[in-house]
Amino acid sequence: MTLEDVAMQLELSIDGEHVTGTLRAWSKFHQRDICQWCQELSDVPAGHVGTTKFNIKLKWLRNRLQQMSLNLQDNALIQYACCYILYLLEGMLLLDKANNTVHVRYLLLLADNDAISTYSWGSVILCWLYRAMYLARDYSVKGMAGCHMLLVSWIYYRLPFRTPNVTTPYSFSLATRVPTEFLGHPHGDFYTVVVPLIFFRWIEILNVDRVLRQFGGKQGPPNPPLNIDIFHRQSACNDDGWWPVHLSAWFEVWANRCTETYHLRIDRADTLRPS
């Protein structure tokens, strides 16, 4: 899966600001208690915020959305919008294995309404799915996190022999799209960049050089994989830090993602049959 697949299947932005910050030390870096943020941004009662894992129950969010009144003031509408985005993020796009709570780390990203659309949500979802698939490779793991909807849709599109007998495009509207719809996509030139995918303290590498045929290019020997075991073994003991500082080298690469240095040169061919 690449950023092109995310843009094509989910229509989410794959370019933009990184989704990061701190996972615990909100009062240290923002001078405010997380319960205050929850109350102000989504009207979550203090008793509904986990004090150790800092999460909100999806059931509470679902009930709140179902009870939404039709004649709300602007501030209340914004609170409901925050609740809906939280539910969408961890209820569908950034699932954990339990899939019954939402981490409050997203609330600070939703504080500025104008900034919500500037984040690279697509790269975050791909990063989390890569991470989930890495963890699921262990034979003892009985469940998998990540955006299953993206994974299934990608399988149906890229591996057509696994696709059900689709009699109408409306059965799998995402998986049956064609790339020509995305040739003029605003981030089309970003599909083939080799960059790290960043999501708070998680780092995954996008090895586009291994799937050049997806972009109409000749597939030569891929570069040796970058060893990122250090990130996969990373514990949560220092989650009170500010991750743009801890991972500054990787964030610098993302900041320079549009430069020529990180764009992959593709040797395109009229036919991709073996020579």
Protein backbone atom coordinates (compact mmCIF):
# COMPACT_ATOMS: atom_id res chain seq x y z
CA MET A 1 0.00 0.00 0.00
CA THR A 2 1.21 3.48 -0.84
CA LEU A 3 -0.01 7.03 -0.37
CA GLU A 4 -1.64 6.78 -3.79
CA ASP A 5 -3.84 3.96 -2.49
CA VAL A 6 -4.87 6.02 0.53
CA ALA A 7 -5.74 9.04 -1.63
CA MET A 8 -7.63 6.87 -4.11
CA GLN A 9 -9.50 4.66 -1.64
CA LEU A 10 -10.23 7.13 1.18
CA GLU A 11 -9.90 10.55 -0.51
CA LEU A 12 -7.91 11.90 2.43
CA SER A 13 -5.07 14.38 2.21
CA ILE A 14 -1.67 12.67 2.05
CA ASP A 15 0.37 15.87 2.12
CA GLY A 16 0.35 18.47 4.85
CA GLU A 17 1.36 18.96 8.46
CA HIS A 18 2.41 15.97 10.53
CA VAL A 19 0.10 14.69 13.27
CA THR A 20 2.16 14.76 16.43
CA GLY A 21 2.75 16.48 19.75
CA THR A 22 2.71 14.84 23.16
CA LEU A 23 0.85 11.77 24.37
CA ARG A 24 0.61 12.67 28.05
CA ALA A 25 2.23 15.94 29.10
CA TRP A 26 -0.51 18.34 27.95
CA SER A 27 -0.31 20.55 31.03
CA LYS A 28 3.48 20.75 30.62
CA PHE A 29 3.40 21.93 27.01
CA HIS A 30 0.02 23.65 26.85
CA GLN A 31 -0.39 24.81 30.49
CA ARG A 32 -3.83 23.24 30.62
CA ASP A 33 -5.24 20.07 32.12
CA ILE A 34 -6.53 17.52 29.62
CA CYS A 35 -9.93 17.41 31.34
CA GLN A 36 -10.31 21.12 30.59
CA TRP A 37 -9.61 20.44 26.92
CA CYS A 38 -12.17 17.64 26.88
CA GLN A 39 -14.82 19.80 28.54
CA GLU A 40 -14.23 22.79 26.28
CA LEU A 41 -13.81 21.04 22.92
CA SER A 42 -16.29 18.18 23.14
CA ASP A 43 -18.21 18.71 26.40
CA VAL A 44 -16.94 15.43 27.85
CA PRO A 45 -17.73 15.18 31.59
CA ALA A 46 -14.59 14.77 33.70
CA GLY A 47 -15.68 11.33 34.90
CA HIS A 48 -15.72 10.00 31.33
CA VAL A 49 -12.01 10.63 30.68
CA GLY A 50 -9.67 7.81 31.70
CA THR A 51 -7.04 9.18 34.08
CA THR A 52 -4.38 6.58 33.29
CA LYS A 53 -4.89 5.79 29.60
CA PHE A 54 -6.45 9.19 28.78
CA ASN A 55 -9.29 7.90 26.65
CA ILE A 56 -12.99 8.47 26.04
CA LYS A 57 -15.41 5.61 25.54
CA LEU A 58 -16.71 5.24 22.00
CA LYS A 59 -20.09 4.33 23.45
CA TRP A 60 -20.34 7.75 25.11
CA LEU A 61 -19.42 9.48 21.82
CA ARG A 62 -21.96 7.43 19.89
CA ASN A 63 -24.73 8.25 22.36
CA ARG A 64 -23.86 11.93 22.31
CA LEU A 65 -24.00 12.06 18.52
CA GLN A 66 -27.34 10.25 18.47
CA GLN A 67 -28.80 12.78 20.90
CA MET A 68 -27.76 15.84 18.91
CA SER A 69 -30.40 18.54 18.77
CA LEU A 70 -31.26 20.30 15.51
CA ASN A 71 -31.28 23.84 16.96
CA LEU A 72 -27.83 24.22 18.49
CA GLN A 73 -25.75 27.36 18.90
CA ASP A 74 -22.42 27.66 17.05
CA ASN A 75 -20.28 26.60 20.00
CA ALA A 76 -22.35 23.47 20.60
CA LEU A 77 -22.20 22.60 16.89
CA ILE A 78 -18.41 22.83 17.02
CA GLN A 79 -18.39 20.50 20.02
CA TYR A 80 -20.52 17.98 18.16
CA ALA A 81 -18.22 18.27 15.13
CA CYS A 82 -15.25 17.45 17.40
CA CYS A 83 -17.12 14.43 18.78
CA TYR A 84 -17.91 13.24 15.27
CA ILE A 85 -14.29 13.60 14.09
CA LEU A 86 -13.05 11.75 17.19
CA TYR A 87 -15.53 8.96 16.53
CA LEU A 88 -14.51 8.82 12.87
CA LEU A 89 -10.78 8.75 13.65
CA GLU A 90 -10.63 5.97 16.19
CA GLY A 91 -13.92 4.32 15.37
CA MET A 92 -13.02 3.72 11.69
CA LEU A 93 -9.67 5.07 10.52
CA LEU A 94 -7.19 4.63 13.40
CA LEU A 95 -8.65 1.66 15.22
CA ASP A 96 -6.90 -0.09 18.06
CA LYS A 97 -7.53 -3.77 18.70
CA ALA A 98 -10.15 -3.19 21.40
CA ASN A 99 -12.00 -0.54 19.35
CA ASN A 100 -14.00 0.74 22.30
CA THR A 101 -12.24 3.96 23.28
CA VAL A 102 -10.76 7.10 21.71
CA HIS A 103 -7.46 8.54 22.91
CA VAL A 104 -7.66 12.23 23.82
CA ARG A 105 -4.40 12.97 21.97
CA TYR A 106 -6.46 14.09 18.96
CA LEU A 107 -8.35 16.80 20.83
CA LEU A 108 -5.52 19.32 20.70
CA LEU A 109 -5.32 18.87 16.94
CA LEU A 110 -9.02 19.75 16.71
CA ALA A 111 -8.73 22.90 18.82
CA ASP A 112 -8.10 25.05 15.74
CA ASN A 113 -10.98 24.51 13.30
CA ASP A 114 -9.07 26.04 10.39
CA ALA A 115 -6.07 23.76 10.91
CA ILE A 116 -7.92 20.42 10.90
CA SER A 117 -7.80 20.11 7.12
CA THR A 118 -4.09 20.99 6.92
CA TYR A 119 -2.90 17.75 8.51
CA SER A 120 -1.72 14.75 6.52
CA TRP A 121 -4.38 12.38 7.81
CA GLY A 122 -3.79 9.97 4.94
CA SER A 123 -0.13 9.38 5.80
CA VAL A 124 -1.09 8.92 9.46
CA ILE A 125 -3.62 6.21 8.62
CA LEU A 126 -1.07 4.40 6.43
CA CYS A 127 1.56 4.67 9.18
CA TRP A 128 -0.79 3.17 11.78
CA LEU A 129 -1.85 0.37 9.41
CA TYR A 130 1.80 -0.48 8.66
CA ARG A 131 2.46 -0.60 12.39
CA ALA A 132 -0.60 -2.78 13.01
CA MET A 133 0.41 -5.23 10.27
CA TYR A 134 3.92 -5.42 11.72
CA LEU A 135 2.53 -6.33 15.15
CA ALA A 136 0.04 -8.81 13.66
CA ARG A 137 2.82 -10.87 12.07
CA ASP A 138 3.40 -12.52 15.48
CA TYR A 139 1.62 -15.88 15.62
CA SER A 140 0.38 -15.16 19.16
CA VAL A 141 -1.53 -12.02 18.11
CA LYS A 142 -5.24 -12.73 17.68
CA GLY A 143 -6.43 -9.34 16.46
CA MET A 144 -5.19 -6.46 14.36
CA ALA A 145 -5.57 -2.71 14.68
CA GLY A 146 -5.53 -0.24 11.78
CA CYS A 147 -7.94 0.77 9.05
CA HIS A 148 -9.36 -2.59 7.94
CA MET A 149 -11.59 -0.81 5.43
CA LEU A 150 -8.50 0.49 3.59
CA LEU A 151 -6.80 -2.91 3.71
CA VAL A 152 -9.80 -4.77 2.26
CA SER A 153 -10.42 -2.13 -0.40
CA TRP A 154 -6.73 -2.23 -1.39
CA ILE A 155 -6.83 -6.02 -1.70
CA TYR A 156 -9.90 -5.88 -3.93
CA TYR A 157 -8.32 -3.26 -6.18
CA ARG A 158 -4.70 -4.44 -6.38
CA LEU A 159 -5.38 -8.20 -6.23
CA PRO A 160 -8.45 -8.63 -8.45
CA PHE A 161 -8.33 -12.43 -8.23
CA ARG A 162 -9.38 -12.04 -4.56
CA THR A 163 -12.30 -9.74 -5.42
CA PRO A 164 -15.89 -10.95 -5.00
CA ASN A 165 -18.05 -11.13 -8.08
CA VAL A 166 -18.98 -7.45 -8.29
CA THR A 167 -22.04 -6.94 -10.46
CA THR A 168 -22.33 -3.21 -9.81
CA PRO A 169 -19.74 -0.55 -8.94
CA TYR A 170 -21.93 0.47 -6.02
CA SER A 171 -21.13 -2.80 -4.23
CA PHE A 172 -17.54 -1.72 -3.65
CA SER A 173 -17.51 1.88 -4.80
CA LEU A 174 -14.00 2.58 -3.47
CA ALA A 175 -12.31 -0.57 -4.73
CA THR A 176 -13.76 -0.30 -8.24
CA ARG A 177 -12.42 3.18 -8.96
CA VAL A 178 -9.86 3.67 -11.67
CA PRO A 179 -6.58 5.57 -11.31
CA THR A 180 -7.51 7.94 -14.15
CA GLU A 181 -9.83 9.70 -11.73
CA PHE A 182 -6.77 10.68 -9.71
CA LEU A 183 -4.36 11.76 -12.44
CA GLY A 184 -5.21 15.36 -11.65
CA HIS A 185 -5.21 14.83 -7.90
CA PRO A 186 -3.68 17.83 -6.08
CA HIS A 187 -1.07 15.54 -4.49
CA GLY A 188 -0.39 13.39 -7.53
CA ASP A 189 3.30 14.35 -7.58
CA PHE A 190 3.58 13.21 -3.96
CA TYR A 191 2.77 9.57 -4.64
CA THR A 192 6.37 8.54 -5.34
CA VAL A 193 8.28 10.30 -2.59
CA VAL A 194 10.37 8.18 -0.24
CA VAL A 195 9.60 9.60 3.19
CA PRO A 196 8.97 8.41 6.73
CA LEU A 197 5.35 8.16 7.80
CA ILE A 198 4.99 9.90 11.18
CA PHE A 199 2.26 9.52 13.79
CA PHE A 200 3.18 10.93 17.20
CA ARG A 201 5.96 8.56 18.38
CA TRP A 202 5.48 5.97 15.62
CA ILE A 203 7.70 5.92 12.52
CA GLU A 204 7.20 3.72 9.46
CA ILE A 205 9.11 3.90 6.18
CA LEU A 206 7.34 4.16 2.83
CA ASN A 207 9.43 1.96 0.49
CA VAL A 208 7.96 3.04 -2.84
CA ASP A 209 11.04 1.71 -4.66
CA ARG A 210 9.69 -1.84 -4.15
CA VAL A 211 6.45 -1.30 -6.06
CA LEU A 212 7.51 0.69 -9.12
CA ARG A 213 5.23 -1.34 -11.40
CA GLN A 214 2.24 0.25 -9.63
CA PHE A 215 3.42 3.56 -11.07
CA GLY A 216 4.10 2.27 -14.57
CA GLY A 217 7.83 1.91 -14.03
CA LYS A 218 10.36 -0.86 -14.53
CA GLN A 219 11.07 -2.74 -11.31
CA GLY A 220 14.79 -2.99 -10.70
CA PRO A 221 16.55 -4.31 -7.62
CA PRO A 222 15.13 -2.44 -4.61
CA ASN A 223 17.32 -0.64 -2.14
CA PRO A 224 18.18 -2.47 1.09
CA PRO A 225 15.43 -1.92 3.67
CA LEU A 226 16.11 0.66 6.35
CA ASN A 227 16.33 -0.96 9.77
CA ILE A 228 13.82 0.75 12.09
CA ASP A 229 13.72 -1.92 14.81
CA ILE A 230 14.55 0.80 17.31
CA PHE A 231 11.13 2.35 16.71
CA HIS A 232 9.33 -0.99 16.78
CA ARG A 233 10.89 -1.79 20.16
CA GLN A 234 10.14 1.65 21.54
CA SER A 235 8.40 1.60 24.92
CA ALA A 236 5.89 4.09 26.22
CA CYS A 237 8.05 5.05 29.22
CA ASN A 238 8.88 8.51 27.82
CA ASP A 239 5.50 9.38 26.37
CA ASP A 240 5.55 12.62 28.34
CA GLY A 241 7.96 14.18 25.85
CA TRP A 242 7.45 16.40 22.83
CA TRP A 243 7.90 14.08 19.85
CA PRO A 244 8.83 16.70 17.22
CA VAL A 245 11.97 17.23 19.34
CA HIS A 246 12.68 13.57 20.13
CA LEU A 247 12.35 12.63 16.45
CA SER A 248 13.60 15.89 14.97
CA ALA A 249 15.72 14.22 12.26
CA TRP A 250 12.69 12.39 10.86
CA PHE A 251 10.50 15.45 11.10
CA GLU A 252 13.10 17.37 9.12
CA VAL A 253 12.86 14.80 6.32
CA TRP A 254 9.08 15.19 6.27
CA ALA A 255 9.45 18.98 6.20
CA ASN A 256 11.65 18.67 3.07
CA ARG A 257 9.44 16.01 1.45
CA CYS A 258 8.72 18.06 -1.66
CA THR A 259 12.36 18.60 -2.58
CA GLU A 260 14.00 16.68 -5.42
CA THR A 261 16.07 14.68 -2.92
CA TYR A 262 13.15 12.52 -1.83
CA HIS A 263 11.42 12.06 -5.17
CA LEU A 264 11.93 8.66 -6.72
CA ARG A 265 13.08 8.59 -10.33
CA ILE A 266 10.97 6.12 -12.30
CA ASP A 267 12.12 4.51 -15.53
CA ARG A 268 8.79 4.27 -17.32
CA ALA A 269 8.16 1.79 -20.11
CA ASP A 270 5.46 1.13 -22.71
CA THR A 271 5.22 -2.46 -21.57
CA LEU A 272 5.97 -3.98 -18.16
CA ARG A 273 6.46 -7.50 -19.48
CA PRO A 274 9.80 -9.15 -18.61
CA SER A 275 12.63 -8.15 -20.92
